[in-house]
Structures are given as structure tokens and as C-alpha cells.
Amino acid sequence: MPPRAVVVTVSDRSARGERPDSSGPIAVEALRLAGYTCDDAVVIPDGEQSVAQTLRALVTEGVDLVVTTGGTGVSPRDETPEGTASVLEREIPGIAEELRRRGVAEKPAAMLSRGRAGVAGSTMIVNLPGSSAAVRSGMPVVLSVASHVSDQLRGGDH
């Protein structure tokens, strides 16, 4: 059975239907090409509670990988990292560091991303910024370690 992934787009404007979700579909396509079962992106409003509630439900469902897009910046409503932190049992800072490192090489403002990565239960969770470019460059980073993390969470050997 292929691993299951869910993409969560965090955006007030997209949740209200004011702007189409441009980053979520990019992540979904990358996951499907990598062999994951992945429905279309779920769009939720910004905010710590919205993110935390959605992530907790996905962890309870036993989803293998959750990729969020959006809400990682410094705007007052950008609370994806806070919502994620409240769900994570263990952080994996190297993933978030690598995402920022690669992003800065393309656009200096990428250093402002406060995205987190880690695990809760048997689920790996990674926050990506909301820009399409950041998702395109970030998904290879996520996919380079996701299957290893899933295997480790299920008791696999190093």
C-alpha cells in the first residue's frame, strides 16, 4: 500500500475564495509523482488554532506525511509554525534549515520563513512557505528524507 500524504494550504484569502491556491497543487503533484497517495490540497484559514486542529486530526488518522504551505512569514496572521509546534513531539530542525538555505539562494527573503519540521506519532510534518517557487524548491528536500523518516517511525533500522 503506498504511503499517504496530505497537503494543507494555510491562507485566509484562499479559504475565503478570494485567491486560488497556487502552491498546494504543486506539492500534491510532487507527492503523487513520488508514489504517495495524495488527495487535492486542503485549504484552511491562517491561525495557530486552525493549523493545530487540522494537524492533530491528520496525525490521529495516521497520515504518513503532511506538508503545509503558507503562514510561515512574519505577518500577524502567519501562525503556521506556532500551530505546528503545538503538535510536534520531536522537531527535525535540519529539514527547516535546509529549506531556508536553498530558498535564500533563490530569494533572500526566504530567510524570513519560520517554518518547522518534525514528527508526531507516525506522521512527519513539514511547513513550506506559501509561494509557488518555495514549494517547487522545497518539495525535493522533503521527499529526499520522507521515506526514511516514515521507515524510522515504524521501527525500521538505520
Protein backbone atom coordinates (compact mmCIF):
# COMPACT_ATOMS: atom_id res chain seq x y z
CA MET A 1 0.00 0.00 0.00
CA PRO A 2 1.52 3.38 -0.97
CA PRO A 3 2.22 5.90 1.76
CA ARG A 4 -0.40 8.58 2.31
CA ALA A 5 0.34 12.30 2.25
CA VAL A 6 -1.83 15.35 2.78
CA VAL A 7 -1.10 18.91 1.67
CA VAL A 8 -2.61 21.68 3.78
CA THR A 9 -2.64 25.18 2.31
CA VAL A 10 -2.86 27.79 5.04
CA SER A 11 -4.30 31.02 3.64
CA ASP A 12 -7.10 33.31 4.75
CA ARG A 13 -7.62 34.60 1.20
CA SER A 14 -7.71 31.15 -0.39
CA ALA A 15 -10.01 29.84 2.36
CA ARG A 16 -12.41 32.73 1.62
CA GLY A 17 -12.24 32.03 -2.13
CA GLU A 18 -10.58 35.37 -2.89
CA ARG A 19 -7.44 33.81 -4.36
CA PRO A 20 -6.83 30.41 -5.92
CA ASP A 21 -4.44 28.06 -4.16
CA SER A 22 -1.35 28.11 -6.37
CA SER A 23 1.16 26.36 -4.09
CA GLY A 24 -0.84 23.40 -2.78
CA PRO A 25 -1.30 21.78 -6.21
CA ILE A 26 2.47 21.91 -6.81
CA ALA A 27 3.11 19.95 -3.60
CA VAL A 28 0.32 17.50 -4.41
CA GLU A 29 1.77 16.80 -7.86
CA ALA A 30 5.27 16.23 -6.45
CA LEU A 31 3.91 13.80 -3.86
CA ARG A 32 1.90 11.86 -6.41
CA LEU A 33 4.91 11.62 -8.73
CA ALA A 34 6.92 10.27 -5.78
CA GLY A 35 4.38 7.48 -5.26
CA TYR A 36 2.28 8.89 -2.44
CA THR A 37 -1.47 8.64 -2.29
CA CYS A 38 -2.45 12.30 -2.04
CA ASP A 39 -5.82 13.98 -2.50
CA ASP A 40 -6.08 17.59 -3.61
CA ALA A 41 -4.81 20.14 -1.09
CA VAL A 42 -6.97 21.02 1.89
CA VAL A 43 -7.31 24.80 2.30
CA ILE A 44 -7.69 26.24 5.80
CA PRO A 45 -7.56 29.79 7.20
CA ASP A 46 -4.45 31.19 8.84
CA GLY A 47 -4.08 30.94 12.59
CA GLU A 48 -2.44 28.81 15.23
CA GLN A 49 -5.63 27.00 16.27
CA SER A 50 -6.73 26.25 12.71
CA VAL A 51 -3.35 24.72 11.90
CA ALA A 52 -3.05 22.78 15.16
CA GLN A 53 -6.56 21.34 14.91
CA THR A 54 -6.02 20.22 11.30
CA LEU A 55 -2.62 18.67 12.04
CA ARG A 56 -3.88 16.81 15.12
CA ALA A 57 -6.69 15.27 13.07
CA LEU A 58 -4.25 14.13 10.37
CA VAL A 59 -1.85 12.65 12.94
CA THR A 60 -4.78 10.78 14.51
CA GLU A 61 -5.68 9.42 11.05
CA GLY A 62 -2.15 8.07 10.73
CA VAL A 63 -1.17 10.06 7.64
CA ASP A 64 2.48 9.36 6.77
CA LEU A 65 3.42 12.87 5.63
CA VAL A 66 1.80 16.28 5.97
CA VAL A 67 3.16 19.23 4.01
CA THR A 68 1.77 22.66 4.83
CA THR A 69 2.14 25.66 2.54
CA GLY A 70 1.77 29.21 3.76
CA GLY A 71 1.66 31.09 7.02
CA THR A 72 5.39 30.82 7.79
CA GLY A 73 6.30 34.50 7.45
CA VAL A 74 6.22 37.42 9.84
CA SER A 75 2.74 38.84 9.20
CA PRO A 76 0.46 38.93 12.25
CA ARG A 77 -1.72 36.06 10.89
CA ASP A 78 1.30 33.88 9.95
CA GLU A 79 0.98 31.36 12.78
CA THR A 80 1.60 28.07 10.98
CA PRO A 81 4.87 27.46 12.91
CA GLU A 82 3.14 28.05 16.25
CA GLY A 83 0.29 25.69 15.39
CA THR A 84 2.76 23.10 14.16
CA ALA A 85 4.95 23.40 17.26
CA SER A 86 1.99 22.61 19.48
CA VAL A 87 1.51 19.29 17.65
CA LEU A 88 5.09 18.14 17.08
CA GLU A 89 6.52 15.60 19.50
CA ARG A 90 10.05 15.96 18.12
CA GLU A 91 11.43 18.61 15.81
CA ILE A 92 13.77 17.86 12.92
CA PRO A 93 15.48 21.25 12.58
CA GLY A 94 17.81 20.16 9.78
CA ILE A 95 14.91 19.95 7.33
CA ALA A 96 13.73 23.51 8.05
CA GLU A 97 17.33 24.75 7.95
CA GLU A 98 17.91 23.16 4.54
CA LEU A 99 14.66 24.58 3.19
CA ARG A 100 15.73 28.07 4.26
CA ARG A 101 19.28 27.58 2.92
CA ARG A 102 18.03 26.56 -0.52
CA GLY A 103 15.39 29.25 -0.51
CA VAL A 104 17.85 32.03 0.28
CA ALA A 105 19.94 31.01 -2.72
CA GLU A 106 16.90 31.83 -4.87
CA LYS A 107 15.41 34.75 -2.94
CA PRO A 108 16.95 36.47 0.12
CA ALA A 109 13.52 36.94 1.76
CA ALA A 110 13.42 33.15 2.25
CA MET A 111 15.43 33.66 5.42
CA LEU A 112 12.26 35.14 6.94
CA SER A 113 10.48 31.78 6.82
CA ARG A 114 9.84 30.44 10.29
CA GLY A 115 8.71 27.02 9.06
CA ARG A 116 9.22 23.96 11.22
CA ALA A 117 9.59 20.26 10.56
CA GLY A 118 9.26 17.24 12.80
CA VAL A 119 7.22 14.24 13.78
CA ALA A 120 4.10 13.49 15.76
CA GLY A 121 3.04 9.90 16.20
CA SER A 122 3.89 8.18 12.93
CA THR A 123 3.47 11.38 10.90
CA MET A 124 6.17 13.63 9.50
CA ILE A 125 5.09 17.29 9.27
CA VAL A 126 6.89 19.95 7.23
CA ASN A 127 5.99 23.63 6.83
CA LEU A 128 6.76 25.23 3.48
CA PRO A 129 6.28 28.89 2.63
CA GLY A 130 3.25 29.74 0.53
CA SER A 131 4.98 30.86 -2.65
CA SER A 132 4.91 28.54 -5.63
CA ALA A 133 8.68 28.92 -6.07
CA ALA A 134 9.34 27.94 -2.46
CA VAL A 135 7.18 24.84 -2.81
CA ARG A 136 8.89 23.84 -6.08
CA SER A 137 12.33 24.11 -4.49
CA GLY A 138 11.24 22.69 -1.14
CA MET A 139 9.49 19.50 -2.20
CA PRO A 140 12.70 17.75 -3.33
CA VAL A 141 14.15 18.43 0.13
CA VAL A 142 11.09 16.95 1.82
CA LEU A 143 10.99 13.94 -0.47
CA SER A 144 14.72 13.26 -0.06
CA VAL A 145 14.15 12.18 3.56
CA ALA A 146 10.42 11.45 3.91
CA SER A 147 10.53 7.71 3.23
CA HIS A 148 13.47 7.26 5.60
CA VAL A 149 11.67 9.15 8.36
CA SER A 150 8.50 7.09 7.81
CA ASP A 151 10.53 3.89 7.97
CA GLN A 152 12.21 5.01 11.19
CA LEU A 153 8.88 5.96 12.77
CA ARG A 154 7.62 2.46 12.04
CA GLY A 155 10.62 0.80 13.69
CA GLY A 156 12.93 0.41 10.73
CA ASP A 157 16.67 0.08 11.14
CA HIS A 158 19.15 2.82 10.26
